PDB file of N, CA and C in Angstrom:
ATOM      1  N   MET A   1      36.371   9.807  33.393  1.00  0.00           N
ATOM      2  CA  MET A   1      36.997   9.249  32.211  1.00  0.00           C
ATOM      3  C   MET A   1      38.468   9.616  32.212  1.00  0.00           C
ATOM      4  N   GLY A   2      39.315   8.707  31.758  1.00  0.00           N
ATOM      5  CA  GLY A   2      40.746   8.939  31.709  1.00  0.00           C
ATOM      6  C   GLY A   2      41.140   9.805  30.533  1.00  0.00           C
ATOM      7  N   ALA A   3      42.416  10.148  30.512  1.00  0.00           N
ATOM      8  CA  ALA A   3      42.932  10.974  29.418  1.00  0.00           C
ATOM      9  C   ALA A   3      42.921  10.187  28.118  1.00  0.00           C
ATOM     10  N   ALA A   4      42.693  10.920  27.039  1.00  0.00           N
ATOM     11  CA  ALA A   4      42.661  10.276  25.722  1.00  0.00           C
ATOM     12  C   ALA A   4      44.063   9.818  25.354  1.00  0.00           C
ATOM     13  N   ASN A   5      44.154   8.654  24.732  1.00  0.00           N
ATOM     14  CA  ASN A   5      45.456   8.175  24.311  1.00  0.00           C
ATOM     15  C   ASN A   5      45.563   8.107  22.796  1.00  0.00           C
ATOM     16  N   GLU A   6      44.496   8.527  22.101  1.00  0.00           N
ATOM     17  CA  GLU A   6      44.527   8.550  20.649  1.00  0.00           C
ATOM     18  C   GLU A   6      43.826   9.801  20.159  1.00  0.00           C
ATOM     19  N   GLN A   7      44.177  10.216  18.967  1.00  0.00           N
ATOM     20  CA  GLN A   7      43.520  11.358  18.339  1.00  0.00           C
ATOM     21  C   GLN A   7      42.909  10.904  17.033  1.00  0.00           C
ATOM     22  N   ILE A   8      41.832  11.555  16.662  1.00  0.00           N
ATOM     23  CA  ILE A   8      41.229  11.300  15.366  1.00  0.00           C
ATOM     24  C   ILE A   8      41.083  12.624  14.647  1.00  0.00           C
ATOM     25  N   ARG A   9      41.171  12.599  13.333  1.00  0.00           N
ATOM     26  CA  ARG A   9      40.994  13.810  12.544  1.00  0.00           C
ATOM     27  C   ARG A   9      39.560  13.845  12.039  1.00  0.00           C
ATOM     28  N   VAL A  10      38.970  15.016  12.129  1.00  0.00           N
ATOM     29  CA  VAL A  10      37.633  15.216  11.584  1.00  0.00           C
ATOM     30  C   VAL A  10      37.648  16.508  10.780  1.00  0.00           C
ATOM     31  N   SER A  11      36.738  16.603   9.833  1.00  0.00           N
ATOM     32  CA  SER A  11      36.648  17.822   9.027  1.00  0.00           C
ATOM     33  C   SER A  11      36.084  18.954   9.881  1.00  0.00           C
ATOM     34  N   GLU A  12      36.219  20.169   9.400  1.00  0.00           N
ATOM     35  CA  GLU A  12      35.653  21.325  10.096  1.00  0.00           C
ATOM     36  C   GLU A  12      34.138  21.190  10.196  1.00  0.00           C
ATOM     37  N   THR A  13      33.528  20.638   9.164  1.00  0.00           N
ATOM     38  CA  THR A  13      32.073  20.456   9.169  1.00  0.00           C
ATOM     39  C   THR A  13      31.656  19.521  10.290  1.00  0.00           C
ATOM     40  N   VAL A  14      32.357  18.407  10.436  1.00  0.00           N
ATOM     41  CA  VAL A  14      32.040  17.443  11.493  1.00  0.00           C
ATOM     42  C   VAL A  14      32.292  18.070  12.851  1.00  0.00           C
ATOM     43  N   LYS A  15      33.372  18.808  12.981  1.00  0.00           N
ATOM     44  CA  LYS A  15      33.683  19.464  14.253  1.00  0.00           C
ATOM     45  C   LYS A  15      32.561  20.423  14.647  1.00  0.00           C
ATOM     46  N   ARG A  16      32.068  21.209  13.685  1.00  0.00           N
ATOM     47  CA  ARG A  16      30.967  22.150  13.981  1.00  0.00           C
ATOM     48  C   ARG A  16      29.707  21.401  14.390  1.00  0.00           C
ATOM     49  N   LYS A  17      29.439  20.266  13.740  1.00  0.00           N
ATOM     50  CA  LYS A  17      28.255  19.481  14.105  1.00  0.00           C
ATOM     51  C   LYS A  17      28.367  18.951  15.527  1.00  0.00           C
ATOM     52  N   ILE A  18      29.554  18.497  15.908  1.00  0.00           N
ATOM     53  CA  ILE A  18      29.768  18.008  17.268  1.00  0.00           C
ATOM     54  C   ILE A  18      29.599  19.160  18.251  1.00  0.00           C
ATOM     55  N   GLU A  19      30.176  20.312  17.929  1.00  0.00           N
ATOM     56  CA  GLU A  19      30.077  21.470  18.816  1.00  0.00           C
ATOM     57  C   GLU A  19      28.629  21.893  19.035  1.00  0.00           C
ATOM     58  N   ARG A  20      27.800  21.816  17.984  1.00  0.00           N
ATOM     59  CA  ARG A  20      26.390  22.194  18.132  1.00  0.00           C
ATOM     60  C   ARG A  20      25.646  21.243  19.061  1.00  0.00           C
ATOM     61  N   ARG A  21      26.118  20.026  19.187  1.00  0.00           N
ATOM     62  CA  ARG A  21      25.447  19.033  20.032  1.00  0.00           C
ATOM     63  C   ARG A  21      25.958  19.042  21.470  1.00  0.00           C
ATOM     64  N   ARG A  22      26.978  19.824  21.747  1.00  0.00           N
ATOM     65  CA  ARG A  22      27.547  19.844  23.088  1.00  0.00           C
ATOM     66  C   ARG A  22      26.549  20.401  24.091  1.00  0.00           C
ATOM     67  N   ARG A  23      26.551  19.809  25.265  1.00  0.00           N
ATOM     68  CA  ARG A  23      25.712  20.267  26.369  1.00  0.00           C
ATOM     69  C   ARG A  23      26.633  20.657  27.521  1.00  0.00           C
ATOM     70  N   GLY A  24      26.486  21.877  27.986  1.00  0.00           N
ATOM     71  CA  GLY A  24      27.283  22.309  29.132  1.00  0.00           C
ATOM     72  C   GLY A  24      28.769  22.172  28.883  1.00  0.00           C
ATOM     73  N   ASN A  25      29.432  21.470  29.768  1.00  0.00           N
ATOM     74  CA  ASN A  25      30.890  21.305  29.686  1.00  0.00           C
ATOM     75  C   ASN A  25      31.296  19.968  29.086  1.00  0.00           C
ATOM     76  N   GLU A  26      30.442  19.386  28.259  1.00  0.00           N
ATOM     77  CA  GLU A  26      30.773  18.094  27.663  1.00  0.00           C
ATOM     78  C   GLU A  26      32.033  18.191  26.806  1.00  0.00           C
ATOM     79  N   SER A  27      32.824  17.149  26.879  1.00  0.00           N
ATOM     80  CA  SER A  27      33.973  17.050  25.982  1.00  0.00           C
ATOM     81  C   SER A  27      33.479  16.504  24.645  1.00  0.00           C
ATOM     82  N   TYR A  28      34.341  16.580  23.643  1.00  0.00           N
ATOM     83  CA  TYR A  28      33.981  15.993  22.356  1.00  0.00           C
ATOM     84  C   TYR A  28      33.679  14.505  22.524  1.00  0.00           C
ATOM     85  N   ASN A  29      34.470  13.832  23.327  1.00  0.00           N
ATOM     86  CA  ASN A  29      34.269  12.416  23.572  1.00  0.00           C
ATOM     87  C   ASN A  29      32.905  12.163  24.211  1.00  0.00           C
ATOM     88  N   ASP A  30      32.538  12.992  25.208  1.00  0.00           N
ATOM     89  CA  ASP A  30      31.236  12.844  25.851  1.00  0.00           C
ATOM     90  C   ASP A  30      30.102  12.978  24.837  1.00  0.00           C
ATOM     91  N   VAL A  31      30.211  13.969  23.954  1.00  0.00           N
ATOM     92  CA  VAL A  31      29.182  14.184  22.936  1.00  0.00           C
ATOM     93  C   VAL A  31      29.088  12.962  22.035  1.00  0.00           C
ATOM     94  N   LEU A  32      30.228  12.484  21.568  1.00  0.00           N
ATOM     95  CA  LEU A  32      30.222  11.331  20.671  1.00  0.00           C
ATOM     96  C   LEU A  32      29.650  10.091  21.351  1.00  0.00           C
ATOM     97  N   GLU A  33      30.019   9.847  22.609  1.00  0.00           N
ATOM     98  CA  GLU A  33      29.475   8.693  23.323  1.00  0.00           C
ATOM     99  C   GLU A  33      27.963   8.804  23.457  1.00  0.00           C
ATOM    100  N   ARG A  34      27.476  10.004  23.779  1.00  0.00           N
ATOM    101  CA  ARG A  34      26.038  10.199  23.938  1.00  0.00           C
ATOM    102  C   ARG A  34      25.316  10.006  22.611  1.00  0.00           C
ATOM    103  N   VAL A  35      25.823  10.653  21.565  1.00  0.00           N
ATOM    104  CA  VAL A  35      25.166  10.587  20.264  1.00  0.00           C
ATOM    105  C   VAL A  35      25.217   9.171  19.699  1.00  0.00           C
ATOM    106  N   LEU A  36      26.349   8.528  19.808  1.00  0.00           N
ATOM    107  CA  LEU A  36      26.465   7.171  19.278  1.00  0.00           C
ATOM    108  C   LEU A  36      25.655   6.173  20.089  1.00  0.00           C
ATOM    109  N   GLY A  37      25.369   6.499  21.336  1.00  0.00           N
ATOM    110  CA  GLY A  37      24.579   5.613  22.174  1.00  0.00           C
ATOM    111  C   GLY A  37      23.085   5.795  21.990  1.00  0.00           C
ATOM    112  N   GLU A  38      22.674   6.898  21.340  1.00  0.00           N
ATOM    113  CA  GLU A  38      21.254   7.136  21.123  1.00  0.00           C
ATOM    114  C   GLU A  38      20.695   6.100  20.161  1.00  0.00           C
ATOM    115  N   GLN A  39      19.425   5.816  20.341  1.00  0.00           N
ATOM    116  CA  GLN A  39      18.752   4.886  19.424  1.00  0.00           C
ATOM    117  C   GLN A  39      18.619   5.570  18.082  1.00  0.00           C
ATOM    118  N   ASP A  40      19.195   4.985  17.035  1.00  0.00           N
ATOM    119  CA  ASP A  40      19.048   5.625  15.722  1.00  0.00           C
ATOM    120  C   ASP A  40      17.693   5.320  15.138  1.00  0.00           C
ATOM    121  N   SER A  41      17.394   6.107  14.123  1.00  0.00           N
ATOM    122  CA  SER A  41      16.150   5.876  13.394  1.00  0.00           C
ATOM    123  C   SER A  41      16.331   4.723  12.420  1.00  0.00           C
ATOM    124  N   GLY A  42      17.537   4.208  12.328  1.00  0.00           N
ATOM    125  CA  GLY A  42      17.800   3.067  11.456  1.00  0.00           C
ATOM    126  C   GLY A  42      18.848   3.389  10.419  1.00  0.00           C
ATOM    127  N   ASP A  43      19.404   2.357   9.869  1.00  0.00           N
ATOM    128  CA  ASP A  43      20.371   2.525   8.804  1.00  0.00           C
ATOM    129  C   ASP A  43      19.672   2.857   7.501  1.00  0.00           C
ATOM    130  N   PHE A  44      20.401   3.449   6.601  1.00  0.00           N
ATOM    131  CA  PHE A  44      19.868   3.857   5.306  1.00  0.00           C
ATOM    132  C   PHE A  44      19.190   2.697   4.589  1.00  0.00           C
ATOM    133  N   GLU A  45      19.783   1.515   4.659  1.00  0.00           N
ATOM    134  CA  GLU A  45      19.279   0.374   3.898  1.00  0.00           C
ATOM    135  C   GLU A  45      18.185  -0.411   4.615  1.00  0.00           C
ATOM    136  N   ASP A  46      17.797   0.006   5.817  1.00  0.00           N
ATOM    137  CA  ASP A  46      16.800  -0.756   6.577  1.00  0.00           C
ATOM    138  C   ASP A  46      15.487  -0.936   5.838  1.00  0.00           C
ATOM    139  N   GLY A  47      15.052   0.046   5.068  1.00  0.00           N
ATOM    140  CA  GLY A  47      13.755  -0.037   4.413  1.00  0.00           C
ATOM    141  C   GLY A  47      13.759  -0.757   3.084  1.00  0.00           C
ATOM    142  N   PHE A  48      14.919  -1.043   2.538  1.00  0.00           N
ATOM    143  CA  PHE A  48      14.985  -1.667   1.228  1.00  0.00           C
ATOM    144  C   PHE A  48      14.429  -3.090   1.278  1.00  0.00           C
ATOM    145  N   GLY A  49      13.640  -3.409   0.255  1.00  0.00           N
ATOM    146  CA  GLY A  49      13.093  -4.741   0.155  1.00  0.00           C
ATOM    147  C   GLY A  49      11.808  -4.956   0.923  1.00  0.00           C
ATOM    148  N   ARG A  50      11.250  -3.923   1.509  1.00  0.00           N
ATOM    149  CA  ARG A  50      10.034  -4.097   2.293  1.00  0.00           C
ATOM    150  C   ARG A  50       8.781  -4.057   1.452  1.00  0.00           C
ATOM    151  N   TRP A  51       8.840  -3.415   0.298  1.00  0.00           N
ATOM    152  CA  TRP A  51       7.681  -3.365  -0.591  1.00  0.00           C
ATOM    153  C   TRP A  51       7.833  -4.435  -1.652  1.00  0.00           C
ATOM    154  N   SER A  52       6.697  -4.970  -2.050  1.00  0.00           N
ATOM    155  CA  SER A  52       6.715  -5.884  -3.182  1.00  0.00           C
ATOM    156  C   SER A  52       6.979  -5.058  -4.437  1.00  0.00           C
ATOM    157  N   SER A  53       7.333  -5.718  -5.517  1.00  0.00           N
ATOM    158  CA  SER A  53       7.564  -5.012  -6.780  1.00  0.00           C
ATOM    159  C   SER A  53       6.311  -4.281  -7.230  1.00  0.00           C
ATOM    160  N   ASP A  54       5.147  -4.911  -7.042  1.00  0.00           N
ATOM    161  CA  ASP A  54       3.882  -4.270  -7.433  1.00  0.00           C
ATOM    162  C   ASP A  54       3.637  -2.998  -6.630  1.00  0.00           C
ATOM    163  N   GLU A  55       3.877  -3.063  -5.320  1.00  0.00           N
ATOM    164  CA  GLU A  55       3.671  -1.896  -4.468  1.00  0.00           C
ATOM    165  C   GLU A  55       4.646  -0.784  -4.847  1.00  0.00           C
ATOM    166  N   ALA A  56       5.901  -1.115  -5.072  1.00  0.00           N
ATOM    167  CA  ALA A  56       6.894  -0.114  -5.467  1.00  0.00           C
ATOM    168  C   ALA A  56       6.507   0.516  -6.802  1.00  0.00           C
ATOM    169  N   ASP A  57       6.035  -0.290  -7.744  1.00  0.00           N
ATOM    170  CA  ASP A  57       5.603   0.244  -9.041  1.00  0.00           C
ATOM    171  C   ASP A  57       4.415   1.186  -8.871  1.00  0.00           C
ATOM    172  N   ARG A  58       3.483   0.828  -7.992  1.00  0.00           N
ATOM    173  CA  ARG A  58       2.320   1.673  -7.750  1.00  0.00           C
ATOM    174  C   ARG A  58       2.740   3.024  -7.182  1.00  0.00           C
ATOM    175  N   VAL A  59       3.654   3.007  -6.224  1.00  0.00           N
ATOM    176  CA  VAL A  59       4.132   4.253  -5.614  1.00  0.00           C
ATOM    177  C   VAL A  59       4.863   5.100  -6.652  1.00  0.00           C
ATOM    178  N   ARG A  60       5.708   4.479  -7.455  1.00  0.00           N
ATOM    179  CA  ARG A  60       6.419   5.219  -8.507  1.00  0.00           C
ATOM    180  C   ARG A  60       5.443   5.888  -9.467  1.00  0.00           C
ATOM    181  N   GLU A  61       4.396   5.160  -9.846  1.00  0.00           N
ATOM    182  CA  GLU A  61       3.405   5.704 -10.773  1.00  0.00           C
ATOM    183  C   GLU A  61       2.647   6.873 -10.143  1.00  0.00           C
ATOM    184  N   GLU A  62       2.280   6.759  -8.886  1.00  0.00           N
ATOM    185  CA  GLU A  62       1.594   7.855  -8.201  1.00  0.00           C
ATOM    186  C   GLU A  62       2.493   9.088  -8.093  1.00  0.00           C
ATOM    187  N   ARG A  63       3.761   8.873  -7.836  1.00  0.00           N
ATOM    188  CA  ARG A  63       4.707  10.002  -7.779  1.00  0.00           C
ATOM    189  C   ARG A  63       4.837  10.661  -9.145  1.00  0.00           C
ATOM    190  N   ARG A  64       4.881   9.845 -10.197  1.00  0.00           N
ATOM    191  CA  ARG A  64       4.977  10.389 -11.546  1.00  0.00           C
ATOM    192  C   ARG A  64       3.755  11.241 -11.867  1.00  0.00           C
ATOM    193  N   LYS A  65       2.562  10.720 -11.529  1.00  0.00           N
ATOM    194  CA  LYS A  65       1.327  11.465 -11.768  1.00  0.00           C
ATOM    195  C   LYS A  65       1.304  12.779 -10.991  1.00  0.00           C
ATOM    196  N   SER A  66       1.721  12.733  -9.741  1.00  0.00           N
ATOM    197  CA  SER A  66       1.737  13.942  -8.913  1.00  0.00           C
ATOM    198  C   SER A  66       2.687  14.984  -9.486  1.00  0.00           C
ATOM    199  N   LYS A  67       3.835  14.542  -9.947  1.00  0.00           N
ATOM    200  CA  LYS A  67       4.812  15.462 -10.532  1.00  0.00           C
ATOM    201  C   LYS A  67       4.248  16.115 -11.794  1.00  0.00           C
ATOM    202  N   ALA A  68       3.600  15.311 -12.636  1.00  0.00           N
ATOM    203  CA  ALA A  68       3.003  15.842 -13.861  1.00  0.00           C
ATOM    204  C   ALA A  68       1.900  16.845 -13.523  1.00  0.00           C
ATOM    205  N   LYS A  69       1.105  16.552 -12.510  1.00  0.00           N
ATOM    206  CA  LYS A  69       0.030  17.453 -12.099  1.00  0.00           C
ATOM    207  C   LYS A  69       0.601  18.786 -11.594  1.00  0.00           C
ATOM    208  N   ARG A  70       1.671  18.721 -10.789  1.00  0.00           N
ATOM    209  CA  ARG A  70       2.311  19.963 -10.309  1.00  0.00           C
ATOM    210  C   ARG A  70       2.844  20.787 -11.467  1.00  0.00           C
ATOM    211  N   LYS A  71       3.456  20.120 -12.432  1.00  0.00           N
ATOM    212  CA  LYS A  71       3.991  20.839 -13.592  1.00  0.00           C
ATOM    213  C   LYS A  71       2.874  21.524 -14.376  1.00  0.00           C
ATOM    214  N   ARG A  72       1.740  20.812 -14.552  1.00  0.00           N
ATOM    215  CA  ARG A  72       0.599  21.409 -15.260  1.00  0.00           C
ATOM    216  C   ARG A  72       0.085  22.635 -14.522  1.00  0.00           C
ATOM    217  N   ARG A  73      -0.046  22.522 -13.205  1.00  0.00           N
ATOM    218  CA  ARG A  73      -0.530  23.663 -12.414  1.00  0.00           C
ATOM    219  C   ARG A  73       0.410  24.849 -12.541  1.00  0.00           C
ATOM    220  N   MET A  74       1.702  24.599 -12.499  1.00  0.00           N
ATOM    221  CA  MET A  74       2.686  25.689 -12.612  1.00  0.00           C
ATOM    222  C   MET A  74       2.628  26.312 -14.013  1.00  0.00           C
ATOM    223  N   ARG A  75       2.474  25.493 -15.007  1.00  0.00           N
ATOM    224  CA  ARG A  75       2.425  25.976 -16.384  1.00  0.00           C
ATOM    225  C   ARG A  75       1.152  26.784 -16.635  1.00  0.00           C
ATOM    226  N   ASP A  76       0.035  26.348 -16.054  1.00  0.00           N
ATOM    227  CA  ASP A  76      -1.246  26.963 -16.317  1.00  0.00           C
ATOM    228  C   ASP A  76      -1.581  28.143 -15.399  1.00  0.00           C
ATOM    229  N   ARG A  77      -0.754  28.389 -14.398  1.00  0.00           N
ATOM    230  CA  ARG A  77      -1.101  29.482 -13.469  1.00  0.00           C
ATOM    231  C   ARG A  77      -0.919  30.829 -14.167  1.00  0.00           C
ATOM    232  N   PRO A  78      -1.719  31.789 -13.769  1.00  0.00           N
ATOM    233  CA  PRO A  78      -1.597  33.116 -14.377  1.00  0.00           C
ATOM    234  C   PRO A  78      -0.257  33.736 -14.012  1.00  0.00           C
ATOM    235  N   THR A  79       0.297  34.471 -14.941  1.00  0.00           N
ATOM    236  CA  THR A  79       1.571  35.137 -14.669  1.00  0.00           C
ATOM    237  C   THR A  79       1.306  36.449 -13.961  1.00  0.00           C
ATOM    238  N   ASP A  80       2.249  36.841 -13.139  1.00  0.00           N
ATOM    239  CA  ASP A  80       2.153  38.128 -12.440  1.00  0.00           C
ATOM    240  C   ASP A  80       2.446  39.240 -13.414  1.00  0.00           C
ATOM    241  N   SER A  81       1.651  40.273 -13.357  1.00  0.00           N
ATOM    242  CA  SER A  81       1.933  41.434 -14.230  1.00  0.00           C
ATOM    243  C   SER A  81       2.714  42.470 -13.434  1.00  0.00           C
ATOM    244  N   ALA A  82       3.648  43.105 -14.079  1.00  0.00           N
ATOM    245  CA  ALA A  82       4.514  44.059 -13.390  1.00  0.00           C
ATOM    246  C   ALA A  82       3.872  45.398 -13.241  1.00  0.00           C
TER     247      ALA A  82
END
């Protein structure tokens, strides 16, 4: 690969993430090319619109019930004595 002719600024957080992904003597560019070339698990919005409204409502209701059940269990559990 030739010498870089442009620079980009990244935050310290992004720099640390790139550094953690480095293998051997890879340059930052090598890491980015490898990571960007990997098959992603998909974009954030890929799953939107896949459920019907009825299915989404059913899932929401089940989540609500599960949350209420967890809260009841936490409320009803015996307290630890000191």
